[in-house]
Amino acid sequence: MRFLRKPTAISDGFARLVLPVDVEREALRLLFGRALRGICDGFVAVLLPAYLLALGFDPLAVGLISSTTLVGSALATMLVGMAAQRYPQRRMLMLAAGLMAATGMGFAGLSSLLPLLLVAFVGTLNPGSGDVSLFLPLEQARLANSAAPAARTALFARYGLTGALSAALGALAAALPDLLVARVGVSSLTAMRAMFIVYALTGVALWLLYARLPDPEPHSAPTTTPLGPSRAIVIRLALLFSIDAFAGGLVVNALLSLWLMQRFGLSPGAAGQFFFWAGLLTAGSQLIAVPLARKFGLLNTMVFTHIPSSLCLIAAAFAPALVPALALLLVRSALSQMDVPTRTAYVMAVVTPPERPAAASLTAVPRSFAAALGPTIAGALLIAGWAGAPLVACGVLKIAYDLALFRAFRHVEPSG
């Protein structure tokens, strides 16, 4: 494996600025692709509820479509894990990019619930702030194989930082439909449809980007099954991660945006500004997680930054006005995602290299299935008038997950 050590040209110098030492340059292409997807995820999460309400749907339908996207992502991720040993990752990434383009065109051109549910199921739409698509295990496996063990956490922190910053910028882009309405005179619905066309064009750009990825060298001792010696630990992690994911599904960004719109009357543009600042705080936390993990360990960083963020979410549900609610949610954003790079690095470190694609997918699949239940439940609670219930339930369940994770794995140290 050829790691970056000294910049030998302008391009190498730029790579050194972006990547940690001992990371291959191909990781730059993956980070750039993550940035493009993050921008789209950012504006889709904010605009999706407003778009569906404009089509005549109610909050329950918003939750149902969000749930369907997560179920489809879970199945696709599972298939990726099973096929990762048989097909080149580059081709699978290109397939995912093609699905993204088709998803954007489907949402831009369809107006009925059943066709939209079908597109949501087979497509790549992401209603939340985290990455739950079939891109995830493929990119994580390639990133893990492109870095030395000591650089892996820092690389995943940059991966998370890239996603958070780009999603924050994408949230600001949620104000573009309002600008189009004011300056061009098109209808609000037409302007929001245009954003899904942008989503589709981004899928085309990603296809071209991934088409230039090199095919990695095969492992010297490939496994015949997706998981081998690490099966037991991966299953335990997957079960615990599913609790966290179910809780997070109750307040995916699309549902949190809907809650802010209905509880405090926020417009999509104002909600986008909030998610922009929340995204910046999340991005900063990805970098802070690296020195914290070096000093306190991966598991401690995951658990003891997560619990305070859940307490802030619970408090936000009872906030009497918009300003304190947003303040609490911003504090939550500054803490809630520190576990993302550390969790990924932890999983990649406790399995063997040939098992990494399967481990990434098999820890992500239960998360996606569990998270898929949350949006529909949250939408039903919003219709029933229990506006703060999803936030409280999310916070309580996440605290329970953190305590269970710490108890189960406090004596398990990463080794690779």
Protein backbone atom coordinates (compact mmCIF):
# COMPACT_ATOMS: atom_id res chain seq x y z
CA MET A 1 0.00 0.00 0.00
CA ARG A 2 1.49 3.38 -1.01
CA PHE A 3 0.73 5.94 1.66
CA LEU A 4 1.20 9.68 1.43
CA ARG A 5 4.38 10.80 3.18
CA LYS A 6 5.81 13.84 1.41
CA PRO A 7 4.19 16.08 -1.22
CA THR A 8 6.00 15.63 -4.53
CA ALA A 9 3.79 17.90 -6.66
CA ILE A 10 1.01 20.45 -6.31
CA SER A 11 -1.62 17.72 -6.31
CA ASP A 12 0.30 15.78 -3.66
CA GLY A 13 0.60 18.94 -1.59
CA PHE A 14 -3.15 19.49 -1.74
CA ALA A 15 -3.73 15.87 -0.82
CA ARG A 16 -1.41 16.22 2.17
CA LEU A 17 -3.41 19.26 3.37
CA VAL A 18 -6.67 17.31 3.20
CA LEU A 19 -5.59 13.78 4.14
CA PRO A 20 -3.76 12.48 7.21
CA VAL A 21 -0.27 11.07 6.79
CA ASP A 22 -0.21 7.41 5.70
CA VAL A 23 -3.36 7.58 3.58
CA GLU A 24 -3.54 6.79 -0.13
CA ARG A 25 -4.53 9.56 -2.53
CA GLU A 26 -7.60 7.72 -3.83
CA ALA A 27 -9.29 8.70 -0.55
CA LEU A 28 -9.54 12.25 -1.94
CA ARG A 29 -11.94 11.08 -4.63
CA LEU A 30 -14.11 9.36 -2.04
CA LEU A 31 -14.16 12.48 0.15
CA PHE A 32 -15.18 14.62 -2.81
CA GLY A 33 -17.98 12.20 -3.65
CA ARG A 34 -19.13 12.33 -0.03
CA ALA A 35 -19.23 16.12 -0.26
CA LEU A 36 -21.44 16.06 -3.35
CA ARG A 37 -23.85 13.63 -1.72
CA GLY A 38 -23.84 15.62 1.51
CA ILE A 39 -24.98 18.79 -0.24
CA CYS A 40 -27.92 16.91 -1.73
CA ASP A 41 -28.76 15.21 1.56
CA GLY A 42 -28.73 18.60 3.27
CA PHE A 43 -31.34 20.28 1.11
CA VAL A 44 -33.46 17.15 0.65
CA ALA A 45 -33.85 16.64 4.41
CA VAL A 46 -35.18 20.20 4.78
CA LEU A 47 -37.28 20.37 1.62
CA LEU A 48 -38.78 16.88 1.66
CA PRO A 49 -41.54 17.60 4.22
CA ALA A 50 -42.41 20.94 2.61
CA TYR A 51 -42.45 19.32 -0.84
CA LEU A 52 -44.69 16.46 0.27
CA LEU A 53 -47.05 18.84 2.09
CA ALA A 54 -47.24 20.93 -1.11
CA LEU A 55 -48.23 17.78 -3.00
CA GLY A 56 -51.15 17.41 -0.58
CA PHE A 57 -49.78 14.77 1.81
CA ASP A 58 -50.04 14.86 5.63
CA PRO A 59 -47.29 14.34 8.26
CA LEU A 60 -48.03 10.61 8.40
CA ALA A 61 -47.23 10.33 4.69
CA VAL A 62 -44.01 12.27 5.26
CA GLY A 63 -43.02 9.76 7.93
CA LEU A 64 -44.07 6.81 5.78
CA ILE A 65 -41.97 7.92 2.82
CA SER A 66 -39.01 8.58 5.14
CA SER A 67 -39.41 5.11 6.62
CA THR A 68 -39.61 3.52 3.18
CA THR A 69 -36.34 5.15 2.12
CA LEU A 70 -34.62 3.68 5.17
CA VAL A 71 -36.04 0.18 4.60
CA GLY A 72 -34.87 0.27 0.99
CA SER A 73 -31.45 1.50 2.05
CA ALA A 74 -31.18 -1.32 4.57
CA LEU A 75 -31.95 -3.99 1.96
CA ALA A 76 -29.57 -2.43 -0.54
CA THR A 77 -26.82 -2.23 2.08
CA MET A 78 -27.35 -5.89 2.96
CA LEU A 79 -27.03 -6.89 -0.68
CA VAL A 80 -23.86 -4.83 -0.94
CA GLY A 81 -22.38 -6.69 2.02
CA MET A 82 -23.20 -10.05 0.43
CA ALA A 83 -21.86 -9.08 -2.98
CA ALA A 84 -18.78 -7.14 -1.86
CA GLN A 85 -16.52 -10.18 -2.26
CA ARG A 86 -17.84 -10.98 -5.76
CA TYR A 87 -17.99 -7.66 -7.61
CA PRO A 88 -15.55 -4.74 -7.89
CA GLN A 89 -16.39 -1.95 -5.48
CA ARG A 90 -15.91 0.61 -8.24
CA ARG A 91 -18.74 -0.88 -10.30
CA MET A 92 -21.00 -1.06 -7.27
CA LEU A 93 -20.33 2.60 -6.49
CA MET A 94 -21.20 3.45 -10.09
CA LEU A 95 -24.45 1.50 -9.72
CA ALA A 96 -25.27 3.46 -6.58
CA ALA A 97 -24.64 6.72 -8.42
CA GLY A 98 -26.99 5.63 -11.20
CA LEU A 99 -29.68 4.88 -8.63
CA MET A 100 -29.19 8.35 -7.19
CA ALA A 101 -29.81 9.93 -10.58
CA ALA A 102 -32.95 7.85 -11.07
CA THR A 103 -34.18 8.75 -7.58
CA GLY A 104 -33.94 12.45 -8.25
CA MET A 105 -35.84 12.20 -11.53
CA GLY A 106 -38.50 10.04 -9.89
CA PHE A 107 -39.22 12.52 -7.11
CA ALA A 108 -39.13 15.42 -9.55
CA GLY A 109 -41.68 13.86 -11.90
CA LEU A 110 -44.10 11.91 -9.67
CA SER A 111 -46.97 13.20 -7.52
CA SER A 112 -48.87 10.11 -6.29
CA LEU A 113 -48.06 8.34 -3.04
CA LEU A 114 -47.55 4.78 -4.28
CA PRO A 115 -45.08 5.66 -7.08
CA LEU A 116 -43.17 7.90 -4.68
CA LEU A 117 -43.03 5.08 -2.15
CA LEU A 118 -41.62 2.77 -4.82
CA VAL A 119 -38.92 5.27 -5.80
CA ALA A 120 -38.14 5.89 -2.13
CA PHE A 121 -37.75 2.15 -1.56
CA VAL A 122 -35.35 1.43 -4.44
CA GLY A 123 -33.61 4.81 -4.45
CA THR A 124 -30.98 6.64 -2.44
CA LEU A 125 -32.96 9.45 -0.81
CA ASN A 126 -31.73 10.31 2.69
CA PRO A 127 -34.23 11.99 5.05
CA GLY A 128 -31.74 12.39 7.88
CA SER A 129 -28.42 13.99 8.69
CA GLY A 130 -26.38 10.76 8.68
CA ASP A 131 -25.44 8.64 5.71
CA VAL A 132 -27.69 5.58 5.45
CA SER A 133 -27.36 4.72 1.77
CA LEU A 134 -25.67 1.82 0.00
CA PHE A 135 -22.74 4.19 -0.68
CA LEU A 136 -21.79 3.89 2.98
CA PRO A 137 -20.30 0.36 3.30
CA LEU A 138 -18.54 0.65 -0.05
CA GLU A 139 -16.88 3.96 0.78
CA GLN A 140 -16.04 2.96 4.34
CA ALA A 141 -14.35 -0.25 3.23
CA ARG A 142 -12.26 1.57 0.62
CA LEU A 143 -11.29 4.27 3.10
CA ALA A 144 -10.30 1.69 5.72
CA ASN A 145 -8.10 -0.13 3.21
CA SER A 146 -6.48 3.12 2.06
CA ALA A 147 -5.20 4.11 5.51
CA ALA A 148 -2.70 2.76 7.99
CA PRO A 149 -4.31 1.71 11.32
CA ALA A 150 -2.95 4.76 13.16
CA ALA A 151 -4.46 7.12 10.57
CA ARG A 152 -7.84 5.44 10.29
CA THR A 153 -9.73 7.40 12.95
CA ALA A 154 -8.42 10.71 11.57
CA LEU A 155 -9.44 9.71 8.05
CA PHE A 156 -12.96 8.75 9.15
CA ALA A 157 -13.16 12.04 11.03
CA ARG A 158 -12.40 13.87 7.77
CA TYR A 159 -15.00 11.71 6.04
CA GLY A 160 -17.56 12.67 8.67
CA LEU A 161 -16.42 16.30 8.59
CA THR A 162 -16.85 16.40 4.84
CA GLY A 163 -20.36 15.00 5.12
CA ALA A 164 -21.33 17.39 7.91
CA LEU A 165 -19.97 20.53 6.21
CA SER A 166 -21.49 19.67 2.86
CA ALA A 167 -24.83 18.83 4.47
CA ALA A 168 -24.74 22.21 6.24
CA LEU A 169 -24.19 23.97 2.91
CA GLY A 170 -26.94 21.87 1.40
CA ALA A 171 -29.33 22.97 4.15
CA LEU A 172 -28.70 26.58 3.15
CA ALA A 173 -29.58 25.59 -0.41
CA ALA A 174 -33.08 24.79 0.84
CA ALA A 175 -33.76 28.53 0.54
CA LEU A 176 -33.20 28.44 -3.25
CA PRO A 177 -36.83 27.55 -4.10
CA ASP A 178 -38.02 30.68 -2.30
CA LEU A 179 -35.52 32.75 -4.29
CA LEU A 180 -36.74 31.19 -7.52
CA VAL A 181 -40.33 31.98 -6.60
CA ALA A 182 -39.47 35.61 -5.80
CA ARG A 183 -37.19 36.34 -8.76
CA VAL A 184 -38.33 34.05 -11.56
CA GLY A 185 -42.01 33.81 -10.74
CA VAL A 186 -42.33 30.04 -10.86
CA SER A 187 -44.59 28.24 -8.40
CA SER A 188 -43.16 26.96 -5.12
CA LEU A 189 -43.87 23.36 -6.16
CA THR A 190 -42.02 23.80 -9.47
CA ALA A 191 -39.05 25.34 -7.68
CA MET A 192 -38.83 22.42 -5.27
CA ARG A 193 -39.07 19.95 -8.16
CA ALA A 194 -36.04 21.68 -9.68
CA MET A 195 -34.02 20.80 -6.58
CA PHE A 196 -34.71 17.10 -7.16
CA ILE A 197 -33.40 17.52 -10.70
CA VAL A 198 -30.21 18.93 -9.17
CA TYR A 199 -30.12 15.79 -7.02
CA ALA A 200 -30.35 13.65 -10.17
CA LEU A 201 -27.57 15.56 -11.95
CA THR A 202 -25.35 15.07 -8.91
CA GLY A 203 -25.85 11.32 -9.31
CA VAL A 204 -24.54 11.61 -12.87
CA ALA A 205 -21.50 13.54 -11.64
CA LEU A 206 -20.82 10.85 -9.05
CA TRP A 207 -21.02 8.14 -11.71
CA LEU A 208 -18.28 9.91 -13.65
CA LEU A 209 -16.23 10.39 -10.49
CA TYR A 210 -16.38 6.76 -9.37
CA ALA A 211 -15.71 5.49 -12.88
CA ARG A 212 -12.14 6.77 -12.49
CA LEU A 213 -11.44 4.94 -9.24
CA PRO A 214 -8.70 2.28 -9.53
CA ASP A 215 -9.56 -1.33 -8.85
CA PRO A 216 -7.86 -2.28 -5.55
CA GLU A 217 -5.48 -5.20 -5.28
CA PRO A 218 -7.22 -8.33 -3.96
CA HIS A 219 -6.45 -9.47 -0.44
CA SER A 220 -3.78 -12.15 -0.26
CA ALA A 221 -6.06 -14.48 1.63
CA PRO A 222 -9.65 -13.73 0.63
CA THR A 223 -12.43 -15.14 2.74
CA THR A 224 -15.09 -17.43 1.35
CA THR A 225 -17.79 -15.97 3.63
CA PRO A 226 -18.58 -12.31 4.25
CA LEU A 227 -17.77 -12.65 7.97
CA GLY A 228 -15.38 -15.06 9.65
CA PRO A 229 -13.65 -14.76 13.02
CA SER A 230 -15.30 -11.42 13.83
CA ARG A 231 -18.87 -12.61 13.36
CA ALA A 232 -19.82 -12.63 17.06
CA ILE A 233 -18.56 -9.15 17.84
CA VAL A 234 -20.12 -7.68 14.70
CA ILE A 235 -23.50 -9.18 15.57
CA ARG A 236 -23.35 -7.75 19.09
CA LEU A 237 -22.42 -4.33 17.78
CA ALA A 238 -25.15 -4.47 15.13
CA LEU A 239 -27.83 -5.25 17.71
CA LEU A 240 -26.77 -2.36 19.91
CA PHE A 241 -26.41 0.03 16.99
CA SER A 242 -29.98 -0.79 15.98
CA ILE A 243 -31.27 0.67 19.27
CA ASP A 244 -29.43 3.90 18.58
CA ALA A 245 -30.72 3.96 15.01
CA PHE A 246 -34.35 3.36 16.00
CA ALA A 247 -34.10 6.29 18.39
CA GLY A 248 -32.49 8.48 15.74
CA GLY A 249 -35.23 7.58 13.28
CA LEU A 250 -37.73 9.39 15.49
CA VAL A 251 -36.00 12.72 14.80
CA VAL A 252 -34.42 12.43 11.34
CA ASN A 253 -33.86 15.88 9.88
CA ALA A 254 -36.95 15.69 7.70
CA LEU A 255 -39.14 15.05 10.77
CA LEU A 256 -37.27 17.55 12.93
CA SER A 257 -37.75 20.13 10.18
CA LEU A 258 -41.46 19.29 10.10
CA TRP A 259 -41.62 19.62 13.92
CA LEU A 260 -40.02 23.06 13.78
CA MET A 261 -42.39 24.15 11.01
CA GLN A 262 -45.49 22.98 12.84
CA ARG A 263 -44.48 23.85 16.42
CA PHE A 264 -42.93 27.28 15.79
CA GLY A 265 -44.01 28.16 12.24
CA LEU A 266 -40.53 28.10 10.70
CA SER A 267 -40.31 28.45 6.92
CA PRO A 268 -38.17 25.99 4.90
CA GLY A 269 -35.59 28.74 4.37
CA ALA A 270 -35.36 29.52 8.10
CA ALA A 271 -35.19 25.81 8.90
CA GLY A 272 -32.39 25.50 6.38
CA GLN A 273 -30.42 28.24 8.16
CA PHE A 274 -30.81 26.39 11.46
CA PHE A 275 -29.59 23.12 9.92
CA PHE A 276 -26.67 25.01 8.39
CA TRP A 277 -25.42 26.15 11.79
CA ALA A 278 -26.22 22.77 13.29
CA GLY A 279 -24.20 21.17 10.51
CA LEU A 280 -21.21 23.44 11.18
CA LEU A 281 -21.24 22.43 14.83
CA THR A 282 -21.50 18.79 13.83
CA ALA A 283 -18.58 19.22 11.46
CA GLY A 284 -16.40 20.74 14.15
CA SER A 285 -17.23 17.93 16.51
CA GLN A 286 -15.93 15.40 13.99
CA LEU A 287 -12.45 16.91 14.33
CA ILE A 288 -12.62 17.24 18.10
CA ALA A 289 -13.50 13.55 18.31
CA VAL A 290 -10.02 12.58 17.07
CA PRO A 291 -7.92 13.99 19.95
CA LEU A 292 -10.61 12.93 22.43
CA ALA A 293 -10.41 9.36 21.09
CA ARG A 294 -6.61 9.38 21.37
CA LYS A 295 -6.78 10.50 25.01
CA PHE A 296 -9.85 8.68 26.30
CA GLY A 297 -10.33 5.84 23.80
CA LEU A 298 -12.82 5.22 21.03
CA LEU A 299 -15.54 3.73 23.21
CA ASN A 300 -15.38 6.40 25.92
CA THR A 301 -15.60 9.14 23.31
CA MET A 302 -18.61 7.46 21.72
CA VAL A 303 -20.54 7.09 24.96
CA PHE A 304 -19.72 10.12 27.08
CA THR A 305 -20.30 12.71 24.37
CA HIS A 306 -23.54 11.06 23.31
CA ILE A 307 -25.36 11.12 26.65
CA PRO A 308 -25.27 14.94 27.14
CA SER A 309 -26.55 15.44 23.59
CA SER A 310 -29.55 13.22 24.36
CA LEU A 311 -30.32 15.22 27.49
CA CYS A 312 -30.37 18.41 25.39
CA LEU A 313 -32.80 16.81 22.94
CA ILE A 314 -35.16 15.86 25.77
CA ALA A 315 -35.00 19.40 27.15
CA ALA A 316 -35.74 20.88 23.71
CA ALA A 317 -39.06 19.03 23.64
CA PHE A 318 -40.20 21.08 26.64
CA ALA A 319 -38.77 24.42 25.50
CA PRO A 320 -41.48 27.12 25.75
CA ALA A 321 -40.27 29.19 22.79
CA LEU A 322 -38.29 28.96 19.58
CA VAL A 323 -34.99 30.47 20.77
CA PRO A 324 -34.34 28.11 23.72
CA ALA A 325 -35.44 25.15 21.61
CA LEU A 326 -32.98 26.04 18.86
CA ALA A 327 -30.22 26.68 21.41
CA LEU A 328 -30.66 23.25 22.95
CA LEU A 329 -30.77 21.61 19.54
CA LEU A 330 -27.55 23.39 18.55
CA VAL A 331 -25.79 22.13 21.68
CA ARG A 332 -27.05 18.68 20.82
CA SER A 333 -25.60 19.04 17.30
CA ALA A 334 -22.21 19.94 18.75
CA LEU A 335 -22.11 16.67 20.71
CA SER A 336 -24.29 14.08 19.01
CA GLN A 337 -22.03 13.14 16.09
CA MET A 338 -18.69 12.70 17.83
CA ASP A 339 -19.47 8.99 17.92
CA VAL A 340 -19.65 8.72 14.12
CA PRO A 341 -15.92 8.60 13.18
CA THR A 342 -15.05 6.79 16.41
CA ARG A 343 -17.78 4.19 15.89
CA THR A 344 -16.70 3.55 12.31
CA ALA A 345 -13.02 3.34 13.27
CA TYR A 346 -13.90 0.98 16.13
CA VAL A 347 -15.81 -1.39 13.85
CA MET A 348 -13.07 -1.36 11.21
CA ALA A 349 -10.42 -2.02 13.87
CA VAL A 350 -12.02 -5.05 15.51
CA VAL A 351 -12.42 -7.04 12.27
CA THR A 352 -9.92 -8.40 9.76
CA PRO A 353 -9.35 -6.43 6.50
CA PRO A 354 -11.25 -8.90 4.25
CA GLU A 355 -14.25 -8.66 6.58
CA ARG A 356 -14.51 -4.86 6.48
CA PRO A 357 -17.09 -4.49 3.66
CA ALA A 358 -19.35 -7.06 5.31
CA ALA A 359 -18.81 -5.58 8.77
CA ALA A 360 -19.67 -2.09 7.52
CA SER A 361 -22.84 -3.31 5.84
CA LEU A 362 -23.92 -5.72 8.58
CA THR A 363 -23.61 -3.05 11.24
CA ALA A 364 -25.42 -0.58 8.98
CA VAL A 365 -28.28 -2.86 7.91
CA PRO A 366 -29.90 -3.31 11.35
CA ARG A 367 -29.42 0.42 11.89
CA SER A 368 -31.35 1.19 8.72
CA PHE A 369 -34.12 -1.29 9.45
CA ALA A 370 -34.49 -0.02 13.01
CA ALA A 371 -34.35 3.62 11.94
CA ALA A 372 -37.02 2.94 9.33
CA LEU A 373 -39.65 2.45 12.03
CA GLY A 374 -39.03 5.82 13.64
CA PRO A 375 -40.25 8.34 11.02
CA THR A 376 -43.66 6.69 10.62
CA ILE A 377 -44.12 6.55 14.40
CA ALA A 378 -43.00 10.17 14.72
CA GLY A 379 -45.39 11.26 11.96
CA ALA A 380 -48.27 9.52 13.71
CA LEU A 381 -47.36 11.19 17.01
CA LEU A 382 -47.31 14.60 15.32
CA ILE A 383 -50.78 13.99 13.88
CA ALA A 384 -52.01 12.89 17.32
CA GLY A 385 -50.81 16.19 18.79
CA TRP A 386 -47.94 14.79 20.90
CA ALA A 387 -45.40 17.09 19.31
CA GLY A 388 -42.57 16.60 21.81
CA ALA A 389 -42.97 12.84 22.25
CA PRO A 390 -40.55 11.82 19.44
CA LEU A 391 -37.79 13.99 20.91
CA VAL A 392 -38.24 12.62 24.43
CA ALA A 393 -38.40 9.01 23.26
CA CYS A 394 -35.31 9.49 21.11
CA GLY A 395 -33.29 10.94 23.98
CA VAL A 396 -34.27 8.24 26.49
CA LEU A 397 -33.54 5.38 24.08
CA LYS A 398 -30.17 6.81 23.09
CA ILE A 399 -29.09 7.08 26.71
CA ALA A 400 -30.10 3.45 27.26
CA TYR A 401 -28.07 2.47 24.17
CA ASP A 402 -24.98 4.32 25.37
CA LEU A 403 -25.06 2.66 28.78
CA ALA A 404 -25.58 -0.80 27.25
CA LEU A 405 -22.75 -0.28 24.74
CA PHE A 406 -20.34 0.80 27.46
CA ARG A 407 -21.21 -2.15 29.65
CA ALA A 408 -20.85 -4.70 26.82
CA PHE A 409 -17.61 -3.43 25.25
CA ARG A 410 -15.68 -1.57 27.92
CA HIS A 411 -13.11 -4.40 28.02
CA VAL A 412 -12.87 -4.86 24.22
CA GLU A 413 -10.01 -2.88 22.69
CA PRO A 414 -9.49 -2.31 18.94
CA SER A 415 -6.43 -4.12 17.62
CA GLY A 416 -6.12 -3.42 13.89
